[in-house]
Amino acid sequence: MTPIIKEVPKGKKQGDIPPKLNDVKSKIMEWISVKNKLPRKGRWVLVHDRFGGFKQISTAQWDGDEWVDYLMSKHDYSDAITHWMPLPKPPKD
């Protein structure tokens, strides 16, 4: 495996993580349990659900009372959606 940094900066150890990589690591999104927090009302997010017996990742919106899927259908997702995370920023054109 080729090292990312070929020369160790003065005052650093070989195992130190470069600051730029630390910044990237802190920006990695992680799943949030619906038991701990729900998204803002009306915000589209990625969700992990077990709807219909299948584990899947899709998009949904919390309307303040229940989840609404991308087809704007309201289903009883109360036990199906276990985690969510914000959508990533769209690509720059």
C-alpha atoms as a PDB file:
ATOM      1  CA  MET A   1       0.000   0.000   0.000  1.00  0.00           C
ATOM      2  CA  THR A   2       1.392   3.386  -0.996  1.00  0.00           C
ATOM      3  CA  PRO A   3       1.432   5.910   1.855  1.00  0.00           C
ATOM      4  CA  ILE A   4      -0.601   9.075   1.374  1.00  0.00           C
ATOM      5  CA  ILE A   5       2.230  11.223   2.735  1.00  0.00           C
ATOM      6  CA  LYS A   6       5.684  10.255   1.500  1.00  0.00           C
ATOM      7  CA  GLU A   7       7.548  12.564   3.859  1.00  0.00           C
ATOM      8  CA  VAL A   8       6.595  12.995   7.503  1.00  0.00           C
ATOM      9  CA  PRO A   9       6.358  16.701   8.389  1.00  0.00           C
ATOM     10  CA  LYS A  10       8.752  17.991  11.045  1.00  0.00           C
ATOM     11  CA  GLY A  11       7.399  17.394  14.569  1.00  0.00           C
ATOM     12  CA  LYS A  12       4.956  14.671  13.413  1.00  0.00           C
ATOM     13  CA  LYS A  13       5.053  10.896  13.803  1.00  0.00           C
ATOM     14  CA  GLN A  14       4.465   8.408  10.996  1.00  0.00           C
ATOM     15  CA  GLY A  15       1.134   7.359  12.560  1.00  0.00           C
ATOM     16  CA  ASP A  16      -0.289  10.876  12.919  1.00  0.00           C
ATOM     17  CA  ILE A  17      -3.318  11.612  10.770  1.00  0.00           C
ATOM     18  CA  PRO A  18      -2.809  14.684   8.600  1.00  0.00           C
ATOM     19  CA  PRO A  19      -5.154  17.558   9.563  1.00  0.00           C
ATOM     20  CA  LYS A  20      -6.869  17.513   6.149  1.00  0.00           C
ATOM     21  CA  LEU A  21      -7.834  13.851   6.633  1.00  0.00           C
ATOM     22  CA  ASN A  22      -9.161  14.672  10.105  1.00  0.00           C
ATOM     23  CA  ASP A  23     -11.374  17.354   8.533  1.00  0.00           C
ATOM     24  CA  VAL A  24     -12.757  14.832   6.046  1.00  0.00           C
ATOM     25  CA  LYS A  25     -13.375  12.279   8.782  1.00  0.00           C
ATOM     26  CA  SER A  26     -15.350  14.807  10.837  1.00  0.00           C
ATOM     27  CA  LYS A  27     -17.601  15.560   7.840  1.00  0.00           C
ATOM     28  CA  ILE A  28     -18.534  11.921   7.160  1.00  0.00           C
ATOM     29  CA  MET A  29     -22.224  11.505   7.806  1.00  0.00           C
ATOM     30  CA  GLU A  30     -23.386   8.844  10.210  1.00  0.00           C
ATOM     31  CA  TRP A  31     -26.775   7.192  10.674  1.00  0.00           C
ATOM     32  CA  ILE A  32     -28.984   8.709  13.388  1.00  0.00           C
ATOM     33  CA  SER A  33     -31.375   6.436  15.256  1.00  0.00           C
ATOM     34  CA  VAL A  34     -35.019   7.564  15.168  1.00  0.00           C
ATOM     35  CA  LYS A  35     -35.064   6.685  18.874  1.00  0.00           C
ATOM     36  CA  ASN A  36     -32.539   9.476  19.498  1.00  0.00           C
ATOM     37  CA  LYS A  37     -33.622  12.213  17.098  1.00  0.00           C
ATOM     38  CA  LEU A  38     -35.976  12.896  14.195  1.00  0.00           C
ATOM     39  CA  PRO A  39     -35.209  15.214  11.269  1.00  0.00           C
ATOM     40  CA  ARG A  40     -36.725  18.664  10.938  1.00  0.00           C
ATOM     41  CA  LYS A  41     -40.295  18.671   9.679  1.00  0.00           C
ATOM     42  CA  GLY A  42     -40.437  18.677   5.868  1.00  0.00           C
ATOM     43  CA  ARG A  43     -36.775  17.768   5.388  1.00  0.00           C
ATOM     44  CA  TRP A  44     -35.971  14.988   2.904  1.00  0.00           C
ATOM     45  CA  VAL A  45     -33.436  12.515   4.281  1.00  0.00           C
ATOM     46  CA  LEU A  46     -31.962   9.100   3.581  1.00  0.00           C
ATOM     47  CA  VAL A  47     -33.660   6.425   5.664  1.00  0.00           C
ATOM     48  CA  HIS A  48     -32.825   2.849   6.532  1.00  0.00           C
ATOM     49  CA  ASP A  49     -35.991   0.831   6.793  1.00  0.00           C
ATOM     50  CA  ARG A  50     -37.313  -2.698   7.027  1.00  0.00           C
ATOM     51  CA  PHE A  51     -40.593  -2.032   5.236  1.00  0.00           C
ATOM     52  CA  GLY A  52     -42.170  -5.176   3.780  1.00  0.00           C
ATOM     53  CA  GLY A  53     -39.576  -7.402   5.413  1.00  0.00           C
ATOM     54  CA  PHE A  54     -36.699  -6.037   3.315  1.00  0.00           C
ATOM     55  CA  LYS A  55     -33.811  -3.938   4.579  1.00  0.00           C
ATOM     56  CA  GLN A  56     -33.327  -0.988   2.265  1.00  0.00           C
ATOM     57  CA  ILE A  57     -32.129   2.581   2.000  1.00  0.00           C
ATOM     58  CA  SER A  58     -34.428   5.130   0.443  1.00  0.00           C
ATOM     59  CA  THR A  59     -35.532   8.729   0.824  1.00  0.00           C
ATOM     60  CA  ALA A  60     -38.365   9.926   3.005  1.00  0.00           C
ATOM     61  CA  GLN A  61     -39.635  13.029   4.735  1.00  0.00           C
ATOM     62  CA  TRP A  62     -40.743  13.463   8.325  1.00  0.00           C
ATOM     63  CA  ASP A  63     -43.947  15.547   8.317  1.00  0.00           C
ATOM     64  CA  GLY A  64     -44.066  16.008  12.074  1.00  0.00           C
ATOM     65  CA  ASP A  65     -46.396  13.067  12.668  1.00  0.00           C
ATOM     66  CA  GLU A  66     -45.309  10.335  10.281  1.00  0.00           C
ATOM     67  CA  TRP A  67     -42.921   9.461   7.462  1.00  0.00           C
ATOM     68  CA  VAL A  68     -43.785  10.212   3.837  1.00  0.00           C
ATOM     69  CA  ASP A  69     -41.948   8.361   1.066  1.00  0.00           C
ATOM     70  CA  TYR A  70     -40.636   9.719  -2.232  1.00  0.00           C
ATOM     71  CA  LEU A  71     -43.961   8.945  -3.940  1.00  0.00           C
ATOM     72  CA  MET A  72     -45.622  11.158  -1.312  1.00  0.00           C
ATOM     73  CA  SER A  73     -47.391   8.071   0.022  1.00  0.00           C
ATOM     74  CA  LYS A  74     -48.036   7.875   3.713  1.00  0.00           C
ATOM     75  CA  HIS A  75     -47.481   4.366   5.039  1.00  0.00           C
ATOM     76  CA  ASP A  76     -47.155   3.160   8.579  1.00  0.00           C
ATOM     77  CA  TYR A  77     -43.380   3.353   8.717  1.00  0.00           C
ATOM     78  CA  SER A  78     -43.409   3.815  12.500  1.00  0.00           C
ATOM     79  CA  ASP A  79     -41.667   0.492  13.148  1.00  0.00           C
ATOM     80  CA  ALA A  80     -40.003   0.167   9.745  1.00  0.00           C
ATOM     81  CA  ILE A  81     -37.670   3.196   9.688  1.00  0.00           C
ATOM     82  CA  THR A  82     -34.875   2.719  12.169  1.00  0.00           C
ATOM     83  CA  HIS A  83     -32.261   5.307  11.146  1.00  0.00           C
ATOM     84  CA  TRP A  84     -31.843   8.403   8.996  1.00  0.00           C
ATOM     85  CA  MET A  85     -29.158  10.822   7.814  1.00  0.00           C
ATOM     86  CA  PRO A  86     -29.182  14.128   5.944  1.00  0.00           C
ATOM     87  CA  LEU A  87     -28.946  13.976   2.170  1.00  0.00           C
ATOM     88  CA  PRO A  88     -25.517  14.870   0.813  1.00  0.00           C
ATOM     89  CA  LYS A  89     -25.078  18.159  -1.000  1.00  0.00           C
ATOM     90  CA  PRO A  90     -25.826  17.883  -4.725  1.00  0.00           C
ATOM     91  CA  PRO A  91     -22.866  17.856  -7.118  1.00  0.00           C
ATOM     92  CA  LYS A  92     -21.587  21.148  -8.465  1.00  0.00           C
ATOM     93  CA  ASP A  93     -22.187  21.494 -12.183  1.00  0.00           C
END
